[in-house]
Protein backbone atom coordinates (compact mmCIF):
# COMPACT_ATOMS: atom_id res chain seq x y z
CA MET A 1 39.75 -14.87 -89.38
CA THR A 2 42.46 -17.50 -89.75
CA HIS A 3 44.69 -15.15 -91.75
CA GLY A 4 44.16 -12.33 -89.26
CA THR A 5 44.96 -14.51 -86.27
CA ASN A 6 48.10 -15.83 -87.94
CA ALA A 7 49.19 -12.28 -88.69
CA MET A 8 48.73 -11.36 -85.04
CA LEU A 9 50.90 -14.30 -84.01
CA VAL A 10 53.65 -13.48 -86.46
CA GLY A 11 54.27 -9.78 -85.84
CA VAL A 12 57.38 -8.30 -87.41
CA ARG A 13 61.05 -8.32 -86.53
CA ARG A 14 62.19 -4.99 -87.84
CA GLY A 15 65.63 -4.01 -86.72
CA ASP A 16 66.25 -7.34 -84.96
CA PRO A 17 69.88 -8.45 -85.29
CA ALA A 18 68.80 -12.02 -84.51
CA ALA A 19 66.96 -12.03 -87.84
CA VAL A 20 70.20 -11.36 -89.75
CA PRO A 21 71.74 -14.61 -91.00
CA GLY A 22 75.31 -15.40 -90.11
CA ALA A 23 77.36 -17.29 -87.60
CA PHE A 24 78.56 -14.09 -85.92
CA TRP A 25 75.11 -13.10 -84.67
CA ARG A 26 74.31 -16.65 -83.62
CA ARG A 27 77.51 -16.92 -81.58
CA ARG A 28 77.04 -13.51 -79.98
CA ASP A 29 73.43 -14.27 -79.11
CA SER A 30 74.29 -17.64 -77.61
CA ARG A 31 77.15 -16.26 -75.53
CA LEU A 32 75.05 -13.46 -74.07
CA LEU A 33 72.21 -15.77 -73.10
CA ALA A 34 74.68 -18.34 -71.79
CA ALA A 35 76.29 -15.64 -69.63
CA VAL A 36 72.91 -14.80 -68.07
CA ALA A 37 72.19 -18.47 -67.40
CA GLY A 38 75.66 -19.06 -66.00
CA ALA A 39 75.32 -16.08 -63.67
CA PHE A 40 71.98 -17.48 -62.52
CA THR A 41 73.60 -20.80 -61.61
CA LEU A 42 76.51 -19.11 -59.84
CA ALA A 43 74.19 -16.83 -57.87
CA GLN A 44 72.22 -19.84 -56.64
CA LEU A 45 75.33 -21.55 -55.38
CA LEU A 46 76.67 -18.41 -53.70
CA LEU A 47 73.47 -16.90 -52.26
CA VAL A 48 71.39 -19.99 -51.46
CA GLY A 49 74.24 -22.43 -51.10
CA PRO A 50 74.59 -26.19 -51.46
CA GLY A 51 74.36 -26.69 -47.69
CA LEU A 52 70.71 -25.71 -47.28
CA GLY A 53 68.83 -28.70 -45.90
CA LEU A 54 65.79 -30.13 -47.61
CA GLY A 55 62.46 -28.41 -46.91
CA TRP A 56 59.11 -29.99 -46.08
CA ASP A 57 57.84 -30.47 -49.64
CA GLU A 58 61.30 -31.39 -50.87
CA THR A 59 61.46 -34.33 -48.48
CA VAL A 60 58.19 -35.61 -49.94
CA TYR A 61 59.45 -35.45 -53.53
CA VAL A 62 62.96 -36.74 -52.83
CA SER A 63 61.74 -39.59 -50.62
CA GLN A 64 59.79 -41.05 -53.56
CA VAL A 65 63.05 -42.00 -55.29
CA GLY A 66 65.70 -41.70 -52.57
CA ALA A 67 67.12 -44.26 -50.18
CA GLN A 68 67.40 -42.12 -47.04
CA ALA A 69 63.83 -42.71 -45.84
CA PRO A 70 60.64 -44.51 -46.88
CA ALA A 71 58.46 -42.69 -49.38
CA SER A 72 56.37 -40.00 -47.67
CA PHE A 73 52.62 -39.73 -48.14
CA PHE A 74 51.96 -38.32 -51.62
CA SER A 75 48.85 -36.15 -51.51
CA ALA A 76 46.44 -35.73 -54.42
CA PRO A 77 47.63 -32.36 -55.82
CA ARG A 78 51.26 -33.44 -56.16
CA ALA A 79 52.81 -34.74 -59.37
CA ARG A 80 55.88 -36.93 -59.68
CA GLY A 81 57.78 -34.90 -62.25
CA ILE A 82 60.17 -33.32 -59.77
CA SER A 83 60.84 -36.71 -58.16
CA LEU A 84 61.90 -38.08 -61.53
CA LEU A 85 63.99 -34.97 -62.17
CA VAL A 86 66.04 -35.52 -58.99
CA ALA A 87 66.21 -39.31 -59.40
CA PRO A 88 69.61 -39.30 -61.19
CA ILE A 89 71.15 -38.00 -57.94
CA ALA A 90 68.72 -38.92 -55.15
CA SER A 91 68.41 -42.56 -56.21
CA TRP A 92 72.01 -43.31 -55.24
CA SER A 93 73.20 -40.44 -53.03
CA THR A 94 71.86 -38.89 -49.83
CA SER A 95 74.07 -35.80 -50.26
CA THR A 96 71.96 -32.65 -50.18
CA GLU A 97 74.98 -30.65 -51.39
CA LEU A 98 75.31 -32.76 -54.52
CA LEU A 99 71.59 -32.47 -55.19
CA ARG A 100 71.69 -28.67 -54.83
CA VAL A 101 74.60 -28.34 -57.26
CA TYR A 102 72.88 -30.65 -59.74
CA LEU A 103 69.65 -28.63 -59.62
CA ALA A 104 71.47 -25.30 -59.87
CA LEU A 105 73.30 -26.45 -62.99
CA LEU A 106 70.14 -27.93 -64.46
CA SER A 107 68.05 -24.83 -63.82
CA GLY A 108 70.75 -22.64 -65.39
CA LEU A 109 70.70 -24.83 -68.48
CA GLY A 110 66.91 -24.73 -68.49
CA LEU A 111 66.91 -20.92 -68.40
CA TYR A 112 69.36 -20.78 -71.30
CA LEU A 113 67.22 -23.09 -73.46
CA ALA A 114 64.02 -21.27 -72.51
CA LEU A 115 65.46 -17.90 -73.56
CA ARG A 116 67.06 -19.31 -76.69
CA VAL A 117 63.74 -20.35 -78.23
CA TRP A 118 62.68 -16.67 -78.27
CA ARG A 119 65.52 -15.59 -80.55
CA GLY A 120 64.11 -13.94 -83.65
CA LEU A 121 60.95 -12.91 -81.80
CA PHE A 122 62.79 -10.31 -79.69
CA ARG A 123 66.23 -8.77 -79.82
CA THR A 124 68.89 -10.67 -77.93
CA ARG A 125 69.49 -7.86 -75.46
CA VAL A 126 65.76 -7.92 -74.62
CA LEU A 127 65.97 -11.64 -73.93
CA ALA A 128 69.15 -11.25 -71.88
CA LEU A 129 67.58 -8.52 -69.77
CA ALA A 130 64.40 -10.58 -69.39
CA GLY A 131 66.43 -13.54 -68.18
CA ALA A 132 68.33 -11.34 -65.75
CA LEU A 133 65.13 -9.77 -64.39
CA PHE A 134 63.55 -13.16 -63.81
CA ALA A 135 66.71 -14.80 -62.47
CA THR A 136 67.38 -12.07 -59.89
CA LEU A 137 64.00 -12.30 -58.17
CA TRP A 138 64.60 -13.74 -54.71
CA VAL A 139 61.93 -16.37 -55.27
CA THR A 140 63.59 -17.55 -58.53
CA LEU A 141 67.02 -17.77 -56.92
CA TYR A 142 65.69 -19.50 -53.83
CA TYR A 143 63.80 -22.19 -55.73
CA GLY A 144 66.39 -22.68 -58.47
CA PRO A 145 68.42 -25.31 -56.57
CA THR A 146 65.44 -26.80 -54.70
CA ALA A 147 63.49 -29.95 -55.48
CA MET A 148 60.26 -28.07 -56.19
CA PRO A 149 58.23 -28.02 -59.42
CA ASN A 150 57.23 -24.36 -59.84
CA LEU A 151 60.40 -23.06 -61.51
CA TRP A 152 60.24 -25.92 -63.99
CA VAL A 153 56.67 -24.99 -64.86
CA ALA A 154 57.93 -21.45 -65.48
CA LEU A 155 60.73 -22.63 -67.77
CA GLY A 156 58.33 -24.96 -69.56
CA ALA A 157 55.95 -22.04 -70.04
CA LEU A 158 58.69 -19.95 -71.68
CA ILE A 159 59.62 -22.83 -73.98
CA THR A 160 56.02 -23.61 -74.90
CA VAL A 161 54.93 -20.05 -75.64
CA GLY A 162 58.13 -19.14 -77.49
CA CYS A 163 58.01 -22.24 -79.67
CA PHE A 164 54.29 -21.77 -80.25
CA LEU A 165 54.95 -18.32 -81.70
CA ARG A 166 57.67 -19.77 -83.93
CA ALA A 167 55.47 -22.61 -85.14
CA ARG A 168 53.17 -20.28 -87.06
CA ALA A 169 51.18 -21.63 -89.95
CA ASP A 170 52.54 -19.34 -92.69
CA ARG A 171 56.13 -20.32 -91.95
CA PRO A 172 56.24 -23.86 -90.55
CA ASP A 173 59.04 -24.76 -88.15
CA ARG A 174 59.13 -28.43 -87.24
CA ARG A 175 61.68 -27.91 -84.50
CA ALA A 176 59.38 -25.35 -82.92
CA LEU A 177 56.52 -27.86 -82.98
CA TRP A 178 58.68 -30.30 -81.06
CA GLY A 179 59.51 -27.48 -78.67
CA VAL A 180 55.81 -26.80 -78.08
CA ALA A 181 55.28 -30.46 -77.24
CA ALA A 182 58.37 -30.65 -75.01
CA GLY A 183 57.53 -27.49 -73.06
CA ALA A 184 53.91 -28.52 -72.55
CA MET A 185 55.02 -31.98 -71.45
CA LEU A 186 57.49 -30.50 -68.95
CA MET A 187 54.79 -28.31 -67.40
CA ALA A 188 52.23 -31.11 -67.20
CA TRP A 189 54.88 -33.48 -65.86
CA MET A 190 55.53 -31.07 -62.99
CA ARG A 191 52.04 -29.65 -62.27
CA PRO A 192 49.25 -30.72 -64.65
CA THR A 193 46.70 -28.16 -63.50
CA ASP A 194 49.21 -25.30 -63.82
CA ALA A 195 50.00 -26.47 -67.35
CA VAL A 196 46.35 -26.15 -68.33
CA TRP A 197 46.08 -22.62 -66.95
CA VAL A 198 49.28 -21.50 -68.69
CA THR A 199 48.27 -22.88 -72.07
CA LEU A 200 44.61 -21.82 -71.99
CA PRO A 201 45.17 -18.82 -74.33
CA LEU A 202 47.15 -21.04 -76.72
CA ILE A 203 44.33 -23.58 -76.81
CA VAL A 204 41.90 -20.80 -77.67
CA LEU A 205 44.20 -19.50 -80.43
CA VAL A 206 44.77 -22.86 -82.11
CA ALA A 207 41.02 -23.52 -82.05
CA ALA A 208 40.12 -20.07 -83.42
CA ALA A 209 42.80 -20.05 -86.15
CA ARG A 210 42.59 -23.79 -86.88
CA LEU A 211 46.31 -24.26 -86.39
CA TRP A 212 46.18 -28.02 -86.48
CA ARG A 213 49.85 -28.83 -86.20
CA PRO A 214 50.51 -26.50 -83.24
CA ALA A 215 47.29 -27.83 -81.70
CA LEU A 216 48.47 -31.42 -82.06
CA ALA A 217 51.88 -30.57 -80.59
CA LEU A 218 50.37 -28.64 -77.68
CA LEU A 219 47.67 -31.12 -76.74
CA GLY A 220 49.96 -34.08 -77.34
CA GLY A 221 52.58 -32.60 -75.02
CA LEU A 222 50.01 -31.91 -72.31
CA ALA A 223 48.62 -35.43 -72.60
CA ALA A 224 52.04 -37.06 -72.51
CA GLY A 225 53.12 -35.06 -69.47
CA ALA A 226 49.91 -35.62 -67.53
CA ALA A 227 49.49 -39.30 -68.45
CA GLU A 228 51.18 -40.67 -65.32
CA TRP A 229 49.19 -38.30 -63.07
CA VAL A 230 45.90 -39.34 -64.68
CA ILE A 231 46.74 -43.06 -64.52
CA GLU A 232 47.73 -42.71 -60.86
CA ALA A 233 44.42 -40.96 -60.21
CA PHE A 234 42.54 -44.11 -61.24
CA VAL A 235 44.99 -46.52 -59.60
CA SER A 236 45.43 -44.79 -56.22
CA TYR A 237 42.76 -42.10 -55.78
CA GLY A 238 39.54 -43.59 -57.09
CA GLY A 239 39.45 -41.74 -60.41
CA LEU A 240 40.36 -38.41 -61.96
CA GLY A 241 37.36 -36.57 -60.53
CA ARG A 242 38.09 -37.91 -57.05
CA ARG A 243 41.73 -36.84 -57.24
CA LEU A 244 40.79 -33.35 -58.39
CA SER A 245 38.23 -33.13 -55.59
CA GLU A 246 40.74 -34.28 -52.97
CA GLY A 247 43.28 -31.83 -54.34
CA SER A 248 40.76 -29.02 -54.00
CA ASP A 249 39.96 -30.03 -50.41
CA ILE A 250 43.63 -30.16 -49.46
CA GLN A 251 44.06 -26.63 -50.80
CA GLY A 252 41.17 -25.42 -48.68
CA GLY A 253 38.49 -25.79 -51.34
CA LEU A 254 38.94 -24.00 -54.64
CA GLY A 255 36.48 -21.17 -55.21
CA LEU A 256 36.34 -17.42 -55.45
CA TYR A 257 38.91 -15.86 -53.12
CA PHE A 258 40.78 -12.59 -53.21
CA ALA A 259 44.32 -13.75 -52.53
CA VAL A 260 46.15 -10.73 -53.94
CA ASP A 261 46.85 -9.39 -50.45
CA ASP A 262 48.03 -12.86 -49.40
CA GLN A 263 50.53 -12.89 -52.25
CA LEU A 264 51.73 -9.46 -51.16
CA ARG A 265 52.31 -10.74 -47.63
CA SER A 266 54.33 -13.65 -49.00
CA LEU A 267 56.72 -11.31 -50.84
CA GLY A 268 58.61 -10.71 -47.61
CA GLY A 269 60.02 -14.24 -47.72
CA ARG A 270 57.19 -16.44 -46.45
CA GLY A 271 57.52 -19.73 -48.28
CA LEU A 272 53.94 -20.68 -47.44
CA CYS A 273 51.47 -18.10 -46.21
CA ARG A 274 48.76 -20.34 -44.71
CA PRO A 275 46.95 -18.96 -42.86
CA CYS A 276 48.06 -15.68 -44.38
CA SER A 277 47.73 -13.09 -41.66
CA GLY A 278 49.83 -10.30 -40.24
CA PRO A 279 50.92 -6.95 -41.67
CA LEU A 280 52.03 -6.37 -45.23
CA PRO A 281 55.79 -6.13 -45.89
CA HIS A 282 57.55 -2.79 -46.20
CA PRO A 283 56.44 -0.86 -49.33
CA ALA A 284 59.95 -1.20 -50.76
CA VAL A 285 59.52 -4.98 -50.76
CA MET A 286 56.21 -4.78 -52.64
CA ALA A 287 57.02 -1.95 -55.08
CA TRP A 288 58.27 -4.16 -57.91
CA TRP A 289 55.05 -6.18 -57.83
CA PHE A 290 53.03 -3.07 -58.77
CA VAL A 291 55.56 -1.83 -61.32
CA LEU A 292 55.64 -5.20 -63.11
CA PRO A 293 52.14 -5.07 -64.71
CA LEU A 294 52.55 -1.39 -65.59
CA LEU A 295 55.76 -2.09 -67.50
CA ALA A 296 54.08 -5.08 -69.15
CA VAL A 297 51.34 -2.77 -70.45
CA VAL A 298 54.00 -0.35 -71.71
CA GLY A 299 55.65 -3.26 -73.50
CA LEU A 300 52.34 -4.14 -75.15
CA VAL A 301 51.77 -0.54 -76.29
CA ILE A 302 55.27 -0.47 -77.78
CA ALA A 303 54.65 -3.75 -79.59
CA VAL A 304 51.30 -2.58 -80.99
CA ARG A 305 52.85 0.61 -82.32
CA ALA A 306 55.63 -1.42 -83.94
CA ARG A 307 53.04 -3.78 -85.44
CA ARG A 308 54.44 -6.84 -83.66
CA ALA A 309 51.74 -7.29 -81.04
CA GLY A 310 51.57 -11.10 -81.23
CA PRO A 311 54.89 -12.00 -79.58
CA THR A 312 54.03 -9.65 -76.71
CA LEU A 313 50.30 -10.21 -76.34
CA VAL A 314 50.48 -14.02 -76.26
CA PRO A 315 52.91 -14.32 -73.29
CA LEU A 316 50.96 -11.61 -71.47
CA ALA A 317 47.73 -13.57 -71.91
CA CYS A 318 49.40 -16.79 -70.73
CA ALA A 319 50.90 -14.98 -67.73
CA ALA A 320 47.46 -13.66 -66.80
CA THR A 321 45.77 -17.07 -66.94
CA ALA A 322 48.69 -18.67 -65.06
CA ALA A 323 48.18 -16.19 -62.21
CA VAL A 324 44.38 -16.38 -62.01
CA PRO A 325 44.03 -19.48 -59.79
CA TYR A 326 46.63 -18.23 -57.31
CA LEU A 327 45.23 -14.71 -57.09
CA PHE A 328 41.52 -15.43 -57.12
CA MET A 329 40.82 -19.13 -56.45
CA ILE A 330 42.70 -20.27 -53.33
CA GLY A 331 42.63 -18.92 -49.80
CA TYR A 332 46.38 -18.80 -49.15
CA ALA A 333 49.58 -17.89 -50.94
CA ALA A 334 53.14 -18.92 -51.73
CA PRO A 335 55.43 -16.73 -53.84
CA ARG A 336 56.60 -19.69 -55.93
CA PHE A 337 53.07 -20.17 -57.31
CA LEU A 338 53.50 -17.11 -59.53
CA LEU A 339 56.88 -18.05 -61.02
CA PRO A 340 55.34 -19.00 -64.41
CA ALA A 341 53.61 -15.61 -64.60
CA TYR A 342 56.82 -13.77 -63.68
CA ALA A 343 58.80 -15.66 -66.33
CA LEU A 344 56.32 -14.81 -69.09
CA LEU A 345 56.01 -11.18 -68.00
CA ALA A 346 59.78 -10.71 -67.97
CA ILE A 347 60.10 -10.50 -71.76
CA PRO A 348 57.55 -7.69 -72.37
CA VAL A 349 58.88 -5.87 -69.30
CA ALA A 350 62.46 -6.07 -70.56
CA ASP A 351 61.30 -4.82 -73.96
CA ALA A 352 59.60 -1.85 -72.29
CA LEU A 353 62.65 -0.98 -70.17
CA LEU A 354 65.02 -1.01 -73.14
CA HIS A 355 62.60 1.09 -75.17
CA LEU A 356 62.43 3.65 -72.36
CA VAL A 357 66.20 4.06 -72.16
CA THR A 358 67.00 4.11 -75.89
CA GLY A 359 65.83 6.48 -78.60
CA PRO A 360 64.57 5.64 -82.11
CA ASN A 361 68.15 5.74 -83.40
CA GLY A 362 69.34 3.29 -80.77
CA ARG A 363 71.20 5.87 -78.69
CA TRP A 364 70.91 5.89 -74.92
CA ARG A 365 68.68 8.44 -73.19
CA PRO A 366 70.94 9.44 -70.29
CA VAL A 367 68.26 10.67 -67.89
CA ALA A 368 65.89 7.76 -68.49
CA ALA A 369 68.79 5.29 -68.32
CA ALA A 370 69.93 6.74 -64.99
CA VAL A 371 66.41 6.53 -63.52
CA VAL A 372 65.93 2.94 -64.70
CA ALA A 373 69.41 1.94 -63.47
CA LEU A 374 68.72 3.46 -60.06
CA GLY A 375 65.37 1.69 -59.84
CA LEU A 376 66.90 -1.65 -60.83
CA ALA A 377 69.71 -1.22 -58.30
CA GLY A 378 67.20 -0.61 -55.51
CA HIS A 379 65.15 -3.56 -56.71
CA LEU A 380 68.18 -5.86 -56.63
CA ALA A 381 69.10 -4.67 -53.15
CA VAL A 382 65.61 -5.50 -51.88
CA GLN A 383 65.62 -8.92 -53.57
CA TYR A 384 69.01 -9.77 -52.07
CA THR A 385 67.90 -8.68 -48.60
CA VAL A 386 64.73 -10.78 -48.72
CA LEU A 387 66.67 -13.76 -50.09
CA GLU A 388 69.32 -13.55 -47.37
CA ARG A 389 66.72 -13.43 -44.60
CA THR A 390 64.71 -16.25 -46.14
CA VAL A 391 67.74 -18.51 -46.49
CA ASP A 392 68.89 -17.78 -42.93
CA ARG A 393 65.45 -18.49 -41.47
CA THR A 394 64.78 -21.68 -43.40
CA ALA A 395 68.31 -22.96 -42.79
CA ALA A 396 67.79 -22.50 -39.04
CA ASP A 397 64.49 -24.40 -39.16
CA ARG A 398 66.06 -27.29 -41.03
CA ARG A 399 68.97 -27.47 -38.60
CA VAL A 400 66.40 -27.96 -35.84
CA TRP A 401 64.92 -30.87 -37.80
CA ALA A 402 68.39 -32.40 -38.16
CA ARG A 403 69.11 -31.99 -34.43
CA THR A 404 65.74 -33.54 -33.57
CA ALA A 405 66.61 -36.49 -35.80
CA ASP A 406 69.94 -36.88 -34.01
CA GLU A 407 68.15 -36.86 -30.65
CA LEU A 408 65.69 -39.49 -31.84
CA HIS A 409 68.57 -41.66 -32.97
CA ARG A 410 70.18 -41.25 -29.56
CA LEU A 411 66.93 -42.39 -27.95
CA GLY A 412 66.83 -45.53 -30.08
CA ILE A 413 64.43 -44.40 -32.81
CA ARG A 414 66.14 -45.85 -35.86
CA PRO A 415 64.88 -47.36 -39.12
CA PRO A 416 62.52 -49.03 -39.46
CA CYS A 417 60.56 -46.56 -37.33
CA LEU A 418 57.51 -44.29 -37.34
CA LEU A 419 57.03 -40.63 -36.42
CA THR A 420 53.76 -38.78 -35.93
CA GLY A 421 52.72 -35.33 -34.77
CA HIS A 422 54.09 -31.83 -35.30
CA GLU A 423 56.38 -31.61 -38.37
CA ALA A 424 56.67 -35.38 -38.34
CA LEU A 425 56.86 -35.60 -42.14
CA PRO A 426 60.15 -33.70 -42.67
CA VAL A 427 61.71 -34.89 -39.40
CA ALA A 428 60.89 -38.46 -40.41
CA TYR A 429 62.90 -38.00 -43.59
CA TYR A 430 65.89 -36.70 -41.64
CA THR A 431 65.55 -39.61 -39.20
CA GLY A 432 65.00 -42.27 -41.85
CA CYS A 433 61.54 -43.12 -40.56
CA SER A 434 58.06 -43.35 -42.01
CA SER A 435 55.54 -40.70 -40.99
CA ALA A 436 51.84 -40.88 -40.22
CA ALA A 437 49.06 -38.38 -39.62
CA THR A 438 45.43 -38.85 -38.63
CA SER A 439 44.22 -35.43 -39.80
CA GLY A 440 45.20 -32.55 -42.05
CA PRO A 441 46.35 -32.55 -45.69
CA ASN A 442 48.78 -35.44 -45.11
CA ALA A 443 46.37 -37.73 -43.26
CA ASN A 444 47.26 -41.30 -44.15
CA SER A 445 46.56 -43.34 -41.02
CA THR A 446 44.34 -43.88 -37.99
CA GLU A 447 45.02 -44.00 -34.28
CA ALA A 448 44.46 -47.75 -34.29
CA ASP A 449 47.01 -48.22 -37.07
CA ILE A 450 49.57 -46.12 -35.19
CA ARG A 451 49.09 -48.16 -32.00
CA ARG A 452 49.54 -51.40 -33.93
CA THR A 453 52.68 -50.08 -35.64
CA ALA A 454 54.11 -48.94 -32.28
CA ARG A 455 53.95 -52.53 -31.07
CA ARG A 456 56.19 -53.61 -33.97
CA ILE A 457 58.74 -50.84 -34.56
CA PRO A 458 60.13 -47.85 -32.62
CA THR A 459 57.57 -45.04 -32.69
CA ALA A 460 57.59 -41.47 -31.45
CA THR A 461 55.27 -38.47 -31.52
CA LEU A 462 56.47 -34.88 -31.93
CA ILE A 463 54.58 -32.23 -29.98
CA ARG A 464 54.70 -28.45 -30.09
CA PRO A 465 56.29 -27.01 -26.93
CA ASP A 466 52.91 -25.59 -25.92
CA GLY A 467 50.88 -28.49 -27.28
CA THR A 468 49.38 -31.65 -25.84
CA PRO A 469 50.02 -35.21 -27.01
CA PRO A 470 47.37 -37.04 -29.04
CA PRO A 471 45.22 -39.58 -27.14
CA TYR A 472 47.23 -42.58 -28.32
CA ALA A 473 50.49 -41.08 -26.97
CA ARG A 474 49.41 -39.66 -23.60
CA ASP A 475 51.01 -42.48 -21.65
CA TRP A 476 54.18 -42.61 -23.76
CA LYS A 477 57.47 -41.54 -22.18
CA ALA A 478 58.22 -37.81 -22.52
CA HIS A 479 61.58 -36.42 -23.66
CA HIS A 480 62.74 -32.91 -24.46
CA SER A 481 64.59 -32.17 -27.69
CA PRO A 482 66.11 -29.12 -29.44
CA GLY A 483 62.82 -28.69 -31.32
CA PRO A 484 59.47 -30.25 -30.48
CA ASP A 485 58.87 -32.27 -27.34
CA LEU A 486 58.97 -36.02 -27.86
CA ARG A 487 56.79 -38.86 -26.68
CA LEU A 488 58.28 -42.32 -27.21
CA ALA A 489 56.14 -45.44 -27.39
CA PRO A 490 57.14 -48.39 -25.20
CA PRO A 491 59.86 -50.43 -26.91
CA PRO A 492 58.44 -53.14 -29.19
CA ALA A 493 58.43 -56.64 -27.80
CA ASP A 494 60.80 -57.79 -30.55
CA GLU A 495 64.09 -55.94 -30.10
CA GLY A 496 65.82 -57.75 -32.95
CA HIS A 497 65.46 -54.82 -35.30
CA ARG A 498 67.46 -52.45 -33.05
């Protein structure tokens, strides 16, 4: 069984230029993959732009290491990997533009390295097309320059699976073993539970085939990446089980849900579909989502016929397990949740597309090539349209937060200060205040604590235009703002902090 499993993992590399020794092929391969990664970085800067303000979750992660505002409440499901990733910029600069450029460059480099580890397993043009397919999804471009963990889980997944396939027992590769550990650590550093789901097929394989060195690298990387999260669970959340339970509650209680339709609704540009109601997007927006698994199956059939099933089957299995919790275990959706699955599917899909447009002798099939080119052009047009609308909408929302912060400053709400109520968490970051909530996923205080704090520092509550103030703020002074209505607590007795 061990020999058979190893053979499945190895596959063959017939006709692969990357397998031919020589500096020429290495340089050509590197330049092509670097061009894809560079285009990815440039597209982020042009289409998303450095000027996009920080989003809700971004303010939580950046505030943990930044100086603009006190650290926001850090709920149980979150991990601190992305905070550490942005620390080299956020720890000394409050410039969102600088942070966006830094993340765009870093994500471009990450894509290059993630594709590079697959050289020798697939032809370079397959990898370049796979990188281009993944990098031109609106959700990939949108989250590339953002302080969010999901893209980094996706890149870690590519690195882990690619290096795992290279670290086969019959042909040991020590560098690949280090790559397995590094990729697994990156995933667990960003989102420990996602890392487990992605690597589940790999864990099964190393156990079945008794691949001890890959097993040690994989499990060691997962443990190293998740160590801080586990330690924090015991220090701040009452234990690992308690943190997992709280994380489940915050996500609405993990169980059996059919969230496929929710994910479809989110494809139209909804960053968080919770509650996920309303009509489905236009069929043109959803078409690629149905074509993706079909092309992945075609890629698997091609690989089986060529007797190289392992390098295709393994990423497909990891993509499937990565998607399971977000399709069938939570009652809401966000398109970024499936980025690891999209990244892993991109390689078999690219292999299938190139097989469809080229004959056995390597010559182009004109009709098939024209059909595929037309389909890809329409796909890119749809992705660009969704991206443009998403960026415009989110930029407008974040400008409202900035204007609300300016109004609060004008009214005397300056650090140290406290905000509560509707969208208090992101507005507090823009204002430089702390935030507090008495209910919901970010609950971290009580009404009594808020009243006591209001007697010490400037405090305000944000209210939806059609909402009512909470009991503790009903007698606070009302003010209108460009966004939510404001209720300001009476000025503290000690005015020395103003």
